[in-house]
Amino acid sequence: MFNFRSLVLILFLALFPLQNAFSQAFFFGQNRVQYDTFDWRIIKSEHFDIYYYDSRNYYMAEFTAFSLEAAYRQLQTDFDHELNDRIRVIIYDSHAAFSQTNVVPLPVNAQGIGGVTDLFKNRITMPFMANYSDFRRVLHHELVHAMVNDMYYGGTIQMLVAEGQRIFPLWFEEGLAEYTALGWDTQSDMFIRDAIINDYLAPIQFLSGFFAYRGGQSVWDYIVQEYGREKIPEILQRTRQTRNYQLAMRQSLGLTIPELSERWKDWLRKRYWPEIADRENLKEIAFNATEDRFRGSYNTSPALSPQGDRIAMITNRRGFFDVVVINAITGEKIKTLIRGEENVDFEELNILRPNLSWSPDGRQVVLSSTSRGRNDIAIVDYNTRDVKKIDFPSLSSIGSVSWSPDGEKLAFQGTDGSFVNIYVYNLESGEFLNLTNDVFSDKDPSWSNDSQSVLFASDRGPRVELNRYRENYSVLANPNLNQTDIYKV
C-alpha cells in the first residue's frame, strides 16, 4: 500500500520545522475536490470502530469488522502483542469516493492506492475495490501497519519523531504485511520466479518499489519455511527491545542481512531454476511490444482490435495515465486517445482491472472512468477522439467493460453499495439490466461469439445451486465449473 509512513517522516524531519510541518501536513488534503457529502455512520466490534456511509454499505462495514477481528486474532500470535487502543477504520464504497477524502493526505495521483494507515491517529482509510477477497487482504495488510504503529511508536506520530527514524525498512514491514495477509500466493510466485530466473532480483537490503512488497513477502516466506513461523514474533519482540531490526535478525537467525540475502536467493534458485527446462522462453514465442517506447512505465489493460493490428492500453509513460494505441506488430505508438487525470472527464482510469474493449468494427473504444467524483462509461471515437459518456447514478463504481460482437450491448462489472454484479446495457434502447443480481461478487465479463451469453469470474464457487429460471435470462453454466459462470441475455 502507499507508504504514508515514509512520507510523513520526510515531511517532518527534512522539509519543515516541526510545528509548521504539523499544521501543513495535517491540513494537506482539505483542498481536494469533494463532490459528495458523506453521512457517516459507525458500527463497533471488540477492537475496531468502523465508519461507513449509506445504509446500502452496512454489509461492507460488517464484513470489515469480521475480517479485521479475524486478522487481529492471527496477528496477536504473530506479533505477540495486543492493541493498546481501539483502531478507527474509515471505508469508502468506491475509489472515486476515496479520492475525495480529507481524512489522510493523498498524492495527486492516487489511482493505485488501495489503503492508507496514518500515524497521526493510527487510522485505516480504505476504498472498496469491488472484490471482497482483495478487500480482506488489504484490511489485513493495513492492520499490520496499525499494529506496528501501536507496538513500536505508541500509535502516534510523536514517538516516531522522538525515534528520529523509522525502525523498519520498507521491505521488512510491507513484506510482513503481505505475507501475514496472503501467505505465499501464486501472483507473488510469478513475479519472484521471473526475477530469479532472469537474474534481476535485488539483494534484500536493496529491495525497493514494487519488489519491497513482493520481495519482502518472499523473504518472510523463506524465514517461515526454513526456521518456523515462531520466528516472526521472536524477531519482532527482539526488535522492540533493541530498536534495531538488523540486530534482532542476527540474534534470531544467526545471520546478518547480507548473509540472509544470499541464503534466501540460493533457496529461490534451487526452487525455480529447474523450471527453466520445463518452460518456453517468452522471448522465443512473443515480443515485448512496450519494451522500447514504454520502458519503465506502468502499462496495463491491453485490448487487441478486432482486426488484430492495433492494441489499446493504459500507460503512465508521460507521468499521467493515458489511453494510447500502439501497432500490434511493431509496438510503435500510433496515437493517444485519452489524456487522463489532467482532463476533468477522465480524472481516473480503472488501471487495476482489464478495462478496455473495442467496438466490433474497430472504430470505437469503451472503458470505465471517473468524472466529477462518479464512475461512468466512456465511448471514444478512434478517429475523432469524440467522447460519449453513459452515467449510471445508482451504481457506486464500474469496473471492466466488454462490447458485444453484434455491437448492440455492453456488459460490465458494477457495484451497488456492498454488492458486485454483472450488468448489461443496450446501446440502442438504453435498457439497463442487472444480469446476476445476487450477493456473490462477479467480475470481468466477456461475450460469447453469438452475443447471447456472458462469461464472467465469480466467487460463488462450484457448489452453489444457481436459479435455472429468472426473469429476462437463464443460466447456462455447468454446475461443476469453479469460479466461472455463463449467463444468457
Protein backbone atom coordinates (compact mmCIF):
# COMPACT_ATOMS: atom_id res chain seq x y z
CA MET A 1 0.00 0.00 0.00
CA PHE A 2 1.01 3.63 -0.27
CA ASN A 3 3.95 4.20 2.06
CA PHE A 4 2.45 7.06 4.04
CA ARG A 5 4.76 6.37 6.97
CA SER A 6 7.83 7.29 4.90
CA LEU A 7 6.14 10.38 3.51
CA VAL A 8 5.25 11.62 6.99
CA LEU A 9 8.80 11.10 8.24
CA ILE A 10 10.29 13.01 5.31
CA LEU A 11 7.87 15.88 5.78
CA PHE A 12 8.53 16.11 9.50
CA LEU A 13 12.28 15.64 9.64
CA ALA A 14 13.54 17.10 6.39
CA LEU A 15 11.29 19.74 4.89
CA PHE A 16 9.65 21.68 7.71
CA PRO A 17 10.17 22.88 11.24
CA LEU A 18 8.15 20.60 13.48
CA GLN A 19 5.29 22.94 14.34
CA ASN A 20 4.90 24.21 10.81
CA ALA A 21 5.14 20.68 9.46
CA PHE A 22 2.29 19.52 11.65
CA SER A 23 -0.02 22.31 10.57
CA GLN A 24 0.75 21.92 6.87
CA ALA A 25 0.74 18.11 6.79
CA PHE A 26 -2.39 17.85 8.93
CA PHE A 27 -4.41 20.20 6.77
CA PHE A 28 -3.00 18.95 3.48
CA GLY A 29 -5.79 17.29 1.55
CA GLN A 30 -8.62 19.60 2.61
CA ASN A 31 -8.31 21.31 -0.74
CA ARG A 32 -9.18 18.07 -2.58
CA VAL A 33 -12.27 18.48 -4.72
CA GLN A 34 -15.24 16.96 -2.92
CA TYR A 35 -18.34 16.23 -4.97
CA ASP A 36 -20.27 14.24 -2.36
CA THR A 37 -21.47 14.82 1.18
CA PHE A 38 -20.96 11.68 3.25
CA ASP A 39 -23.46 10.89 6.01
CA TRP A 40 -21.12 8.93 8.26
CA ARG A 41 -22.33 6.08 10.47
CA ILE A 42 -20.48 3.73 12.78
CA ILE A 43 -20.51 0.13 13.92
CA LYS A 44 -18.28 -1.13 16.70
CA SER A 45 -16.61 -4.52 17.13
CA GLU A 46 -14.46 -5.60 20.05
CA HIS A 47 -11.35 -3.75 18.86
CA PHE A 48 -12.44 -1.58 15.91
CA ASP A 49 -14.69 1.36 15.11
CA ILE A 50 -15.87 1.06 11.51
CA TYR A 51 -17.05 4.29 9.85
CA TYR A 52 -19.19 3.96 6.73
CA TYR A 53 -21.92 5.92 4.95
CA ASP A 54 -25.20 4.99 3.26
CA SER A 55 -27.33 2.10 4.54
CA ARG A 56 -26.52 0.00 1.46
CA ASN A 57 -22.91 -0.15 2.70
CA TYR A 58 -23.82 -1.77 6.02
CA TYR A 59 -22.90 -5.26 4.80
CA MET A 60 -19.49 -3.94 3.72
CA ALA A 61 -18.95 -2.40 7.15
CA GLU A 62 -19.99 -5.63 8.84
CA PHE A 63 -17.61 -7.60 6.60
CA THR A 64 -14.86 -5.13 7.54
CA ALA A 65 -15.42 -5.71 11.25
CA PHE A 66 -15.45 -9.52 10.95
CA SER A 67 -12.36 -9.54 8.70
CA LEU A 68 -10.36 -7.26 10.97
CA GLU A 69 -11.22 -9.21 14.11
CA ALA A 70 -10.14 -12.45 12.37
CA ALA A 71 -6.91 -10.83 11.18
CA TYR A 72 -6.25 -9.43 14.64
CA ARG A 73 -6.55 -12.88 16.21
CA GLN A 74 -3.81 -14.12 13.89
CA LEU A 75 -1.61 -11.06 14.40
CA GLN A 76 -1.84 -11.32 18.18
CA THR A 77 0.11 -14.57 17.78
CA ASP A 78 2.42 -13.36 15.00
CA PHE A 79 3.30 -10.15 16.86
CA ASP A 80 2.93 -11.40 20.42
CA HIS A 81 1.18 -8.09 21.04
CA GLU A 82 -2.26 -6.76 21.92
CA LEU A 83 -3.51 -3.38 20.80
CA ASN A 84 -3.38 -0.62 23.38
CA ASP A 85 -6.18 1.39 21.78
CA ARG A 86 -9.14 0.85 19.51
CA ILE A 87 -8.45 1.29 15.80
CA ARG A 88 -10.70 3.51 13.71
CA VAL A 89 -11.36 2.36 10.16
CA ILE A 90 -12.93 4.61 7.50
CA ILE A 91 -14.25 2.82 4.41
CA TYR A 92 -15.47 4.21 1.09
CA ASP A 93 -17.58 2.19 -1.33
CA SER A 94 -15.51 3.16 -4.38
CA HIS A 95 -12.12 4.54 -5.29
CA ALA A 96 -13.81 7.62 -6.75
CA ALA A 97 -15.27 8.38 -3.33
CA PHE A 98 -11.99 7.53 -1.58
CA SER A 99 -10.18 10.03 -3.82
CA GLN A 100 -12.26 12.80 -2.23
CA THR A 101 -11.11 12.02 1.32
CA ASN A 102 -9.53 14.60 3.58
CA VAL A 103 -9.02 12.08 6.40
CA VAL A 104 -5.47 11.48 5.20
CA PRO A 105 -3.26 13.35 2.72
CA LEU A 106 -3.17 11.60 -0.63
CA PRO A 107 -0.89 12.40 -3.56
CA VAL A 108 -2.48 13.99 -6.60
CA ASN A 109 -2.26 10.66 -8.43
CA ALA A 110 -3.94 8.24 -6.01
CA GLN A 111 -5.21 5.70 -8.53
CA GLY A 112 -3.01 2.82 -7.39
CA ILE A 113 -3.55 3.35 -3.66
CA GLY A 114 -5.70 0.64 -2.08
CA GLY A 115 -5.44 1.78 1.54
CA VAL A 116 -3.61 4.08 3.94
CA THR A 117 -2.72 3.77 7.62
CA ASP A 118 -1.71 7.12 9.11
CA LEU A 119 0.48 7.76 12.12
CA PHE A 120 -1.35 10.87 13.27
CA LYS A 121 -4.18 8.91 14.87
CA ASN A 122 -3.36 5.37 13.72
CA ARG A 123 -6.44 5.17 11.50
CA ILE A 124 -7.03 2.95 8.48
CA THR A 125 -8.69 4.57 5.46
CA MET A 126 -9.69 2.37 2.52
CA PRO A 127 -11.84 2.12 -0.58
CA PHE A 128 -13.81 -0.99 -1.51
CA MET A 129 -12.48 -2.06 -4.92
CA ALA A 130 -15.34 -4.40 -5.84
CA ASN A 131 -13.55 -7.56 -4.74
CA TYR A 132 -14.10 -8.94 -1.24
CA SER A 133 -11.08 -11.23 -1.35
CA ASP A 134 -8.79 -8.30 -2.14
CA PHE A 135 -10.65 -6.14 0.37
CA ARG A 136 -9.98 -8.66 3.14
CA ARG A 137 -6.30 -8.86 2.15
CA VAL A 138 -5.84 -5.09 2.19
CA LEU A 139 -7.64 -4.80 5.53
CA HIS A 140 -5.21 -7.36 6.96
CA HIS A 141 -2.27 -5.58 5.33
CA GLU A 142 -3.22 -2.21 6.78
CA LEU A 143 -3.88 -3.74 10.19
CA VAL A 144 -0.25 -4.90 10.23
CA HIS A 145 0.82 -1.26 9.85
CA ALA A 146 -1.57 -0.23 12.62
CA MET A 147 -0.13 -2.96 14.86
CA VAL A 148 3.43 -1.81 14.10
CA ASN A 149 2.45 1.78 14.88
CA ASP A 150 0.84 0.71 18.15
CA MET A 151 3.66 -1.64 19.13
CA TYR A 152 6.71 0.47 18.27
CA TYR A 153 5.53 4.08 18.11
CA GLY A 154 2.73 4.13 20.67
CA GLY A 155 0.13 4.68 17.95
CA THR A 156 1.06 8.34 17.38
CA ILE A 157 3.48 10.44 15.36
CA GLN A 158 5.21 11.84 18.45
CA MET A 159 7.08 8.62 19.22
CA LEU A 160 8.29 8.33 15.63
CA VAL A 161 9.63 11.89 15.76
CA ALA A 162 11.34 11.05 19.06
CA GLU A 163 12.91 7.97 17.44
CA GLY A 164 14.34 10.15 14.70
CA GLN A 165 13.73 7.44 12.07
CA ARG A 166 11.52 4.50 11.23
CA ILE A 167 12.68 1.26 12.80
CA PHE A 168 11.89 -0.92 9.79
CA PRO A 169 12.89 -0.59 6.13
CA LEU A 170 10.16 -0.82 3.54
CA TRP A 171 10.81 -4.45 2.56
CA PHE A 172 10.58 -5.59 6.20
CA GLU A 173 7.23 -4.02 7.07
CA GLU A 174 5.49 -4.20 3.69
CA GLY A 175 6.73 -7.74 3.13
CA LEU A 176 5.48 -8.77 6.57
CA ALA A 177 2.10 -7.17 5.87
CA GLU A 178 1.78 -9.02 2.57
CA TYR A 179 2.99 -12.34 3.98
CA THR A 180 0.70 -12.40 7.00
CA ALA A 181 -2.24 -11.38 4.79
CA LEU A 182 -1.56 -13.78 1.90
CA GLY A 183 0.97 -16.39 2.92
CA TRP A 184 2.67 -17.29 -0.35
CA ASP A 185 0.34 -16.70 -3.30
CA THR A 186 0.55 -17.56 -6.98
CA GLN A 187 0.83 -13.97 -8.19
CA SER A 188 3.83 -13.21 -5.99
CA ASP A 189 5.30 -16.55 -7.02
CA MET A 190 5.04 -15.47 -10.66
CA PHE A 191 6.94 -12.20 -10.06
CA ILE A 192 9.70 -13.75 -7.95
CA ARG A 193 10.12 -16.69 -10.34
CA ASP A 194 10.64 -14.34 -13.28
CA ALA A 195 13.04 -12.15 -11.29
CA ILE A 196 15.22 -15.03 -10.12
CA ILE A 197 15.26 -16.85 -13.49
CA ASN A 198 16.20 -13.64 -15.33
CA ASP A 199 18.61 -12.51 -12.59
CA TYR A 200 17.16 -9.10 -11.71
CA LEU A 201 16.12 -9.75 -8.11
CA ALA A 202 17.99 -7.32 -5.85
CA PRO A 203 19.60 -8.33 -2.53
CA ILE A 204 17.33 -7.90 0.49
CA GLN A 205 18.90 -4.63 1.60
CA PHE A 206 18.21 -3.06 -1.80
CA LEU A 207 14.62 -4.22 -2.33
CA SER A 208 12.54 -1.19 -3.26
CA GLY A 209 9.40 -0.13 -5.07
CA PHE A 210 7.14 -2.99 -6.07
CA PHE A 211 9.73 -5.56 -5.03
CA ALA A 212 9.79 -4.20 -1.48
CA TYR A 213 6.33 -5.77 -1.31
CA ARG A 214 6.77 -8.97 -3.31
CA GLY A 215 10.44 -9.46 -2.44
CA GLY A 216 9.81 -8.71 1.22
CA GLN A 217 6.92 -11.17 1.20
CA SER A 218 9.27 -13.80 -0.23
CA VAL A 219 11.88 -13.11 2.47
CA TRP A 220 9.31 -13.76 5.19
CA ASP A 221 8.17 -16.89 3.37
CA TYR A 222 11.77 -18.11 3.40
CA ILE A 223 12.15 -17.38 7.11
CA VAL A 224 8.94 -19.24 7.96
CA GLN A 225 9.74 -22.20 5.70
CA GLU A 226 13.31 -22.58 6.97
CA TYR A 227 13.04 -21.52 10.62
CA GLY A 228 9.36 -21.78 11.52
CA ARG A 229 6.57 -19.23 11.94
CA GLU A 230 7.51 -18.68 15.59
CA LYS A 231 10.47 -16.66 14.30
CA ILE A 232 8.09 -13.83 13.33
CA PRO A 233 7.13 -12.88 16.92
CA GLU A 234 10.68 -13.56 18.09
CA ILE A 235 12.18 -11.12 15.58
CA LEU A 236 9.52 -8.51 16.29
CA GLN A 237 9.93 -8.73 20.05
CA ARG A 238 13.73 -8.57 19.84
CA THR A 239 13.38 -5.52 17.59
CA ARG A 240 11.07 -3.96 20.15
CA GLN A 241 13.71 -4.47 22.83
CA THR A 242 16.77 -3.41 20.82
CA ARG A 243 15.10 -0.88 18.44
CA ASN A 244 17.35 -2.42 15.78
CA TYR A 245 15.88 -4.88 13.30
CA GLN A 246 19.29 -5.97 11.97
CA LEU A 247 20.45 -6.92 15.45
CA ALA A 248 17.16 -8.70 16.05
CA MET A 249 17.57 -10.69 12.84
CA ARG A 250 21.11 -11.67 13.79
CA GLN A 251 20.04 -12.72 17.29
CA SER A 252 17.06 -14.74 16.00
CA LEU A 253 18.52 -16.29 12.84
CA GLY A 254 22.27 -16.08 13.45
CA LEU A 255 22.68 -14.19 10.17
CA THR A 256 23.44 -10.66 9.06
CA ILE A 257 21.13 -9.17 6.44
CA PRO A 258 23.65 -9.77 3.60
CA GLU A 259 24.12 -13.39 4.76
CA LEU A 260 20.34 -13.84 4.95
CA SER A 261 20.05 -12.36 1.48
CA GLU A 262 22.48 -14.88 -0.01
CA ARG A 263 20.75 -17.85 1.61
CA TRP A 264 17.35 -16.56 0.52
CA LYS A 265 18.43 -16.15 -3.11
CA ASP A 266 20.12 -19.59 -3.13
CA TRP A 267 16.87 -21.06 -1.81
CA LEU A 268 14.94 -19.37 -4.61
CA ARG A 269 17.40 -20.56 -7.26
CA LYS A 270 17.00 -24.16 -6.13
CA ARG A 271 13.24 -23.74 -6.33
CA TYR A 272 12.96 -22.02 -9.71
CA TRP A 273 15.99 -22.86 -11.85
CA PRO A 274 14.80 -26.43 -12.60
CA GLU A 275 11.71 -24.86 -14.18
CA ILE A 276 13.82 -23.35 -16.97
CA ALA A 277 13.91 -26.74 -18.67
CA ASP A 278 10.12 -27.11 -18.45
CA ARG A 279 9.08 -23.66 -19.65
CA GLU A 280 9.31 -21.93 -23.01
CA ASN A 281 11.30 -18.73 -23.07
CA LEU A 282 8.82 -15.92 -23.61
CA LYS A 283 11.22 -14.18 -26.00
CA GLU A 284 11.07 -17.20 -28.30
CA ILE A 285 7.29 -17.14 -28.69
CA ALA A 286 6.45 -13.43 -28.28
CA PHE A 287 7.92 -9.95 -28.36
CA ASN A 288 7.71 -7.15 -25.80
CA ALA A 289 5.54 -4.55 -27.52
CA THR A 290 6.22 -1.87 -24.90
CA GLU A 291 9.90 -2.53 -24.20
CA ASP A 292 11.40 0.26 -26.30
CA ARG A 293 8.93 3.12 -26.15
CA PHE A 294 7.23 2.46 -22.80
CA ARG A 295 10.11 1.08 -20.72
CA GLY A 296 9.88 1.93 -17.04
CA SER A 297 6.21 2.88 -17.16
CA TYR A 298 3.09 1.13 -15.91
CA ASN A 299 1.31 -0.44 -18.91
CA THR A 300 -1.96 -2.26 -18.37
CA SER A 301 -5.38 -3.27 -19.76
CA PRO A 302 -4.27 -4.25 -23.29
CA ALA A 303 -7.12 -4.75 -25.77
CA LEU A 304 -6.47 -6.12 -29.26
CA SER A 305 -8.51 -4.50 -32.03
CA PRO A 306 -10.94 -6.75 -33.98
CA GLN A 307 -8.62 -6.54 -37.00
CA GLY A 308 -5.65 -7.58 -34.85
CA ASP A 309 -3.48 -4.69 -35.99
CA ARG A 310 -3.73 -2.33 -33.00
CA ILE A 311 -3.55 -2.56 -29.22
CA ALA A 312 -5.29 -0.05 -26.96
CA MET A 313 -3.76 0.15 -23.49
CA ILE A 314 -3.43 2.34 -20.41
CA THR A 315 0.03 3.75 -19.67
CA ASN A 316 1.61 6.40 -17.44
CA ARG A 317 4.54 6.97 -19.77
CA ARG A 318 4.22 10.78 -19.61
CA GLY A 319 3.57 10.84 -15.84
CA PHE A 320 -0.22 10.74 -16.14
CA PHE A 321 -2.36 7.75 -17.01
CA ASP A 322 -3.46 7.88 -20.65
CA VAL A 323 -5.16 5.59 -23.13
CA VAL A 324 -2.86 5.07 -26.10
CA VAL A 325 -2.97 2.87 -29.20
CA ILE A 326 0.13 1.07 -30.46
CA ASN A 327 0.90 -1.03 -33.51
CA ALA A 328 0.38 -4.71 -32.63
CA ILE A 329 3.22 -5.76 -34.96
CA THR A 330 5.96 -3.23 -34.20
CA GLY A 331 4.91 -1.74 -30.83
CA GLU A 332 5.14 1.75 -32.34
CA LYS A 333 2.81 4.29 -30.76
CA ILE A 334 0.04 5.33 -33.15
CA LYS A 335 -1.91 7.87 -31.13
CA THR A 336 -3.12 8.97 -27.71
CA LEU A 337 -6.88 8.52 -27.41
CA ILE A 338 -7.30 9.97 -23.90
CA ARG A 339 -5.07 12.24 -21.88
CA GLY A 340 -6.14 11.22 -18.40
CA GLU A 341 -6.02 12.83 -14.93
CA GLU A 342 -5.49 16.38 -16.17
CA ASN A 343 -8.81 16.02 -18.03
CA VAL A 344 -11.92 16.60 -15.91
CA ASP A 345 -13.78 13.97 -17.97
CA PHE A 346 -11.13 11.38 -17.07
CA GLU A 347 -9.99 12.17 -13.54
CA GLU A 348 -9.16 8.50 -13.00
CA LEU A 349 -8.90 5.44 -15.23
CA ASN A 350 -9.60 1.97 -13.90
CA ILE A 351 -5.97 0.88 -14.01
CA LEU A 352 -6.21 -2.22 -11.79
CA ARG A 353 -8.68 -4.22 -13.89
CA PRO A 354 -8.85 -5.11 -17.61
CA ASN A 355 -10.84 -2.12 -18.74
CA LEU A 356 -10.69 -1.51 -22.50
CA SER A 357 -12.84 -3.02 -25.23
CA TRP A 358 -13.14 -2.27 -28.96
CA SER A 359 -16.36 -1.99 -30.89
CA PRO A 360 -16.72 -4.84 -33.44
CA ASP A 361 -15.88 -2.51 -36.33
CA GLY A 362 -12.76 -1.16 -34.59
CA ARG A 363 -14.00 2.43 -34.77
CA GLN A 364 -14.59 3.00 -31.06
CA VAL A 365 -13.11 2.06 -27.68
CA VAL A 366 -15.12 1.73 -24.46
CA LEU A 367 -13.85 1.94 -20.88
CA SER A 368 -14.94 2.88 -17.37
CA SER A 369 -13.56 6.07 -15.85
CA THR A 370 -14.11 8.61 -13.10
CA SER A 371 -15.50 12.05 -13.77
CA ARG A 372 -16.57 14.60 -11.16
CA GLY A 373 -16.39 12.04 -8.38
CA ARG A 374 -18.52 9.41 -10.11
CA ASN A 375 -17.78 6.34 -12.21
CA ASP A 376 -19.19 6.25 -15.72
CA ILE A 377 -18.69 4.51 -19.05
CA ALA A 378 -16.95 6.39 -21.84
CA ILE A 379 -17.13 5.55 -25.55
CA VAL A 380 -14.30 7.16 -27.51
CA ASP A 381 -14.30 7.53 -31.30
CA TYR A 382 -10.97 6.26 -32.61
CA ASN A 383 -10.67 8.76 -35.46
CA THR A 384 -12.11 11.94 -33.95
CA ARG A 385 -11.47 11.26 -30.24
CA ASP A 386 -15.02 12.43 -29.54
CA VAL A 387 -16.30 11.11 -26.20
CA LYS A 388 -19.78 9.90 -25.28
CA LYS A 389 -20.45 9.38 -21.57
CA ILE A 390 -23.03 6.96 -20.14
CA ASP A 391 -23.94 7.59 -16.50
CA PHE A 392 -25.40 5.12 -14.00
CA PRO A 393 -26.27 7.19 -10.91
CA SER A 394 -27.49 4.17 -8.94
CA LEU A 395 -24.06 2.47 -9.06
CA SER A 396 -21.18 3.19 -6.69
CA SER A 397 -18.48 2.02 -9.09
CA ILE A 398 -17.99 0.50 -12.53
CA GLY A 399 -15.23 -1.94 -13.43
CA SER A 400 -14.25 -3.85 -16.55
CA VAL A 401 -16.37 -3.36 -19.70
CA SER A 402 -16.90 -5.69 -22.67
CA TRP A 403 -18.53 -4.79 -26.02
CA SER A 404 -20.71 -7.49 -27.59
CA PRO A 405 -19.70 -8.82 -31.03
CA ASP A 406 -23.03 -7.70 -32.53
CA GLY A 407 -22.24 -4.15 -31.41
CA GLU A 408 -25.55 -3.70 -29.59
CA LYS A 409 -24.70 -4.23 -25.92
CA LEU A 410 -22.14 -3.59 -23.21
CA ALA A 411 -21.52 -5.95 -20.30
CA PHE A 412 -19.73 -4.51 -17.29
CA GLN A 413 -18.97 -5.04 -13.64
CA GLY A 414 -20.90 -2.68 -11.38
CA THR A 415 -21.15 -2.12 -7.64
CA ASP A 416 -24.33 -1.09 -5.89
CA GLY A 417 -23.08 -0.29 -2.41
CA SER A 418 -21.87 -3.60 -0.95
CA PHE A 419 -22.89 -5.80 -3.88
CA VAL A 420 -20.91 -6.52 -7.05
CA ASN A 421 -22.80 -7.76 -10.11
CA ILE A 422 -22.63 -8.01 -13.88
CA TYR A 423 -24.80 -5.53 -15.76
CA VAL A 424 -25.84 -5.34 -19.41
CA TYR A 425 -26.64 -2.06 -21.16
CA ASN A 426 -28.38 -1.94 -24.54
CA LEU A 427 -26.82 0.84 -26.60
CA GLU A 428 -29.90 1.30 -28.80
CA SER A 429 -32.76 1.10 -26.32
CA GLY A 430 -30.94 2.26 -23.19
CA GLU A 431 -32.23 -0.81 -21.31
CA PHE A 432 -30.18 -1.45 -18.17
CA LEU A 433 -30.22 -4.98 -16.72
CA ASN A 434 -28.65 -6.39 -13.56
CA LEU A 435 -27.69 -9.75 -15.00
CA THR A 436 -26.59 -11.58 -11.85
CA ASN A 437 -28.36 -9.65 -9.06
CA ASP A 438 -27.18 -11.65 -6.05
CA VAL A 439 -24.83 -11.47 -3.06
CA PHE A 440 -21.87 -13.03 -4.88
CA SER A 441 -19.10 -10.89 -6.34
CA ASP A 442 -18.87 -11.12 -10.13
CA LYS A 443 -16.28 -9.52 -12.40
CA ASP A 444 -14.52 -9.41 -15.78
CA PRO A 445 -17.41 -10.18 -18.18
CA SER A 446 -16.74 -11.42 -21.71
CA TRP A 447 -19.23 -12.12 -24.50
CA SER A 448 -19.81 -15.32 -26.46
CA ASN A 449 -19.35 -15.07 -30.23
CA ASP A 450 -23.13 -15.01 -30.81
CA SER A 451 -23.62 -12.12 -28.33
CA GLN A 452 -26.19 -14.18 -26.42
CA SER A 453 -24.17 -15.25 -23.39
CA VAL A 454 -21.83 -13.59 -20.92
CA LEU A 455 -18.92 -15.41 -19.31
CA PHE A 456 -17.53 -13.97 -16.08
CA ALA A 457 -15.49 -14.82 -12.99
CA SER A 458 -17.26 -15.19 -9.66
CA ASP A 459 -16.65 -16.13 -6.04
CA ARG A 460 -19.85 -18.20 -5.87
CA GLY A 461 -17.91 -21.48 -6.16
CA PRO A 462 -18.94 -24.79 -7.76
CA ARG A 463 -21.40 -25.96 -5.09
CA VAL A 464 -23.84 -23.08 -5.27
CA GLU A 465 -27.14 -24.10 -6.86
CA LEU A 466 -27.96 -21.35 -9.33
CA ASN A 467 -31.54 -20.48 -10.19
CA ARG A 468 -32.37 -22.06 -13.54
CA TYR A 469 -35.16 -19.68 -14.37
CA ARG A 470 -35.08 -15.95 -13.80
CA GLU A 471 -36.80 -13.04 -15.44
CA ASN A 472 -35.00 -11.97 -18.64
CA TYR A 473 -32.30 -14.62 -18.59
CA SER A 474 -31.48 -18.22 -17.82
CA VAL A 475 -28.36 -19.96 -16.56
CA LEU A 476 -26.26 -21.96 -18.99
CA ALA A 477 -23.47 -22.74 -16.53
CA ASN A 478 -22.11 -26.20 -15.91
CA PRO A 479 -22.74 -26.79 -12.16
CA ASN A 480 -19.22 -28.24 -11.85
CA LEU A 481 -17.48 -25.10 -13.09
CA ASN A 482 -15.28 -23.46 -10.48
CA GLN A 483 -15.13 -19.66 -10.30
CA THR A 484 -16.82 -19.24 -13.69
CA ASP A 485 -20.43 -18.91 -14.79
CA ILE A 486 -22.22 -18.15 -18.03
CA TYR A 487 -25.48 -16.24 -18.31
CA LYS A 488 -27.68 -15.93 -21.36
CA VAL A 489 -29.04 -12.46 -22.01
